[in-house]
Structure formats: C-alpha cells, structure tokens
Amino acid sequence: MGSATRDSLGTCTRRQLMLGRWIPPGHYSLISAVPFVAGLAFAAAAYAGRYGIIAWQAFKARPPRPKFRKFYDGGFQSTMTRREAALILGVREGTPLDKVKEAHRRVMVANHPDAGGSHYLASKINEAKDMMLGKIKGGGSAF
C-alpha cells in the first residue's frame, strides 16, 4: 500500500477516492465554506425561533379586546328614557335600586363639578339616577 501519486491533471488512485482522502485541486475553499454556511443557517434559524417566541409572548400578553362597545356613542336625547339612564349609569334597565345608587356614586365621583367635571354631565347623571329610581316619569333636565 504505497502512497498515492497524482499526475499533472490532479487525478488520483481509486483507493484515495474511496477513502475520501483526496480533494481535487481548487475545492479547498468550497469544503471550508460548507461549515460556515451551515453555521449561518443554524444561527438564522435560532434568531428566527427567538423572534417567533418573543412575538408569541407579546401576542399572548396583549390586553383582551372587548367584543362589544363599552360606552354609548350618541349624544343625549331630548327627554331622558329609562334606556338612556341605564346607559349613562352603566347598568341594565332592571338593576336593583342599591346597585343603581352605587353606580350613580361611582359615575358621579368621576364627573363631579368640584373635581373638574361638567355641571351639565352632573345634571344628566343625577337625572339618570332619578329616572332609574322612579322619581321622575319624563325627562326634565335643568339644561
């Protein structure tokens, strides 16, 4: 088993080819590029996976969006109805009286004129409470 000889064309013995010991001339750069390209592909996959995990966590952490609108978009009607009063206070039309009073207190604290709220809104909130408690039949706002 002697050493393999190559002629000027770069040919080798059949044994060298079978054992994988001989690299044709000009292919050294290609063979050294394969691990580099594989490393780049692995790093790209790792960064893509990392980005995917971060994006998924951000997607799951976002606050849930309500399926319905929480607030009434329109303006006030000329005469207060029980439906409008319930919308102003944020309760249902058939809510018990103690819950109506609690809702009135909560809404009034947020919109009181002494705390920077509007006198007009305060009068509408009070009118809504009176309507829900049955103190007035039809709307009679001071404004």
Protein backbone atom coordinates (compact mmCIF):
# COMPACT_ATOMS: atom_id res chain seq x y z
CA MET A 1 0.00 0.00 0.00
CA GLY A 2 2.03 2.83 -1.23
CA SER A 3 1.28 6.44 -1.25
CA ALA A 4 -0.95 7.70 -3.97
CA THR A 5 0.55 9.63 -6.80
CA ARG A 6 -1.08 12.36 -8.79
CA ASP A 7 -0.22 13.44 -12.25
CA SER A 8 -0.37 17.00 -13.54
CA LEU A 9 -4.16 16.81 -14.14
CA GLY A 10 -4.91 16.11 -10.49
CA THR A 11 -6.07 12.55 -10.87
CA CYS A 12 -5.69 10.12 -8.02
CA THR A 13 -5.95 6.44 -7.33
CA ARG A 14 -9.25 4.72 -6.90
CA ARG A 15 -8.36 3.90 -3.30
CA GLN A 16 -7.93 7.59 -2.40
CA LEU A 17 -11.33 8.40 -3.83
CA MET A 18 -12.99 5.55 -1.93
CA LEU A 19 -11.41 6.58 1.38
CA GLY A 20 -12.20 10.23 0.83
CA ARG A 21 -8.61 11.36 1.33
CA TRP A 22 -8.10 13.16 -1.89
CA ILE A 23 -9.54 16.62 -2.60
CA PRO A 24 -9.41 17.81 -6.19
CA PRO A 25 -7.42 20.98 -6.82
CA GLY A 26 -9.41 24.21 -6.34
CA HIS A 27 -12.00 22.65 -3.99
CA TYR A 28 -10.36 23.52 -0.69
CA SER A 29 -12.29 26.80 -0.41
CA LEU A 30 -15.61 25.03 -1.11
CA ILE A 31 -15.02 22.46 1.60
CA SER A 32 -14.12 25.13 4.16
CA ALA A 33 -17.25 27.14 3.20
CA VAL A 34 -19.66 24.30 3.98
CA PRO A 35 -19.33 24.52 7.80
CA PHE A 36 -19.54 28.31 7.57
CA VAL A 37 -22.78 28.20 5.57
CA ALA A 38 -24.20 25.54 7.89
CA GLY A 39 -23.33 27.74 10.88
CA LEU A 40 -25.04 30.73 9.27
CA ALA A 41 -28.15 28.65 8.58
CA PHE A 42 -28.22 27.42 12.17
CA ALA A 43 -27.79 30.99 13.55
CA ALA A 44 -30.55 32.29 11.26
CA ALA A 45 -32.88 29.53 12.44
CA ALA A 46 -32.05 30.31 16.07
CA TYR A 47 -32.75 34.03 15.63
CA ALA A 48 -35.98 33.31 13.76
CA GLY A 49 -37.08 30.98 16.56
CA ARG A 50 -36.20 33.57 19.19
CA TYR A 51 -38.13 36.25 17.32
CA GLY A 52 -41.09 33.89 17.00
CA ILE A 53 -41.12 33.16 20.73
CA ILE A 54 -40.90 36.87 21.64
CA ALA A 55 -43.67 37.74 19.16
CA TRP A 56 -45.89 34.96 20.53
CA GLN A 57 -45.36 36.12 24.12
CA ALA A 58 -46.19 39.71 23.14
CA PHE A 59 -49.31 38.47 21.34
CA LYS A 60 -50.47 36.49 24.37
CA ALA A 61 -49.71 39.33 26.81
CA ARG A 62 -51.76 41.96 24.99
CA PRO A 63 -54.95 43.01 26.76
CA PRO A 64 -58.12 41.36 25.53
CA ARG A 65 -60.31 43.46 23.27
CA PRO A 66 -63.96 43.62 24.26
CA LYS A 67 -66.37 42.04 21.83
CA PHE A 68 -68.84 44.87 22.27
CA ARG A 69 -68.55 48.61 22.76
CA LYS A 70 -68.45 49.61 26.39
CA PHE A 71 -69.63 53.19 26.06
CA TYR A 72 -72.59 54.82 24.38
CA ASP A 73 -71.52 56.82 21.30
CA GLY A 74 -74.50 59.09 20.77
CA GLY A 75 -75.48 62.36 22.41
CA PHE A 76 -78.30 62.84 24.87
CA GLN A 77 -81.93 62.54 23.83
CA SER A 78 -84.28 65.48 24.31
CA THR A 79 -86.21 63.60 27.01
CA MET A 80 -84.47 61.03 29.23
CA THR A 81 -85.62 57.44 28.76
CA ARG A 82 -85.02 54.52 31.05
CA ARG A 83 -82.68 53.00 28.45
CA GLU A 84 -80.61 56.18 28.22
CA ALA A 85 -80.48 56.44 32.02
CA ALA A 86 -79.18 52.89 32.24
CA LEU A 87 -76.53 53.64 29.59
CA ILE A 88 -75.38 56.76 31.45
CA LEU A 89 -75.02 54.90 34.75
CA GLY A 90 -73.54 51.79 33.14
CA VAL A 91 -76.18 49.39 34.46
CA ARG A 92 -79.01 47.34 32.98
CA GLU A 93 -82.57 48.60 32.95
CA GLY A 94 -83.71 46.03 35.52
CA THR A 95 -80.91 46.66 38.04
CA PRO A 96 -81.87 46.74 41.75
CA LEU A 97 -82.06 50.13 43.46
CA ASP A 98 -78.98 49.64 45.64
CA LYS A 99 -76.87 48.85 42.55
CA VAL A 100 -78.24 51.96 40.82
CA LYS A 101 -77.20 54.11 43.78
CA GLU A 102 -73.75 52.51 43.81
CA ALA A 103 -73.36 53.10 40.07
CA HIS A 104 -74.50 56.71 40.48
CA ARG A 105 -71.91 57.30 43.18
CA ARG A 106 -69.14 55.77 41.06
CA VAL A 107 -70.02 57.81 37.94
CA MET A 108 -70.58 60.99 39.92
CA VAL A 109 -67.19 60.75 41.67
CA ALA A 110 -65.54 60.63 38.25
CA ASN A 111 -67.58 63.55 36.84
CA HIS A 112 -68.29 65.81 39.83
CA PRO A 113 -68.03 69.55 39.09
CA ASP A 114 -65.90 70.15 42.20
CA ALA A 115 -63.34 67.67 40.82
CA GLY A 116 -63.18 69.31 37.39
CA GLY A 117 -66.24 67.68 35.86
CA SER A 118 -69.01 69.33 33.89
CA HIS A 119 -72.15 70.75 35.51
CA TYR A 120 -74.13 69.56 32.50
CA LEU A 121 -72.89 65.97 32.85
CA ALA A 122 -73.52 66.04 36.59
CA SER A 123 -77.12 67.11 36.00
CA LYS A 124 -77.59 64.35 33.40
CA ILE A 125 -76.12 61.76 35.82
CA ASN A 126 -78.47 62.93 38.57
CA GLU A 127 -81.39 62.85 36.15
CA ALA A 128 -80.46 59.31 35.13
CA LYS A 129 -80.39 58.23 38.78
CA ASP A 130 -83.80 59.79 39.39
CA MET A 131 -85.19 58.09 36.28
CA MET A 132 -83.86 54.68 37.36
CA LEU A 133 -85.17 55.11 40.91
CA GLY A 134 -88.60 56.10 39.54
CA LYS A 135 -88.62 59.63 40.95
CA ILE A 136 -89.41 61.22 37.59
CA LYS A 137 -91.56 59.94 34.74
CA GLY A 138 -90.27 62.02 31.83
CA GLY A 139 -87.05 63.90 31.33
CA GLY A 140 -86.79 67.35 32.88
CA SER A 141 -83.19 68.45 32.77
CA ALA A 142 -82.30 71.90 34.03
CA PHE A 143 -80.31 72.46 30.85
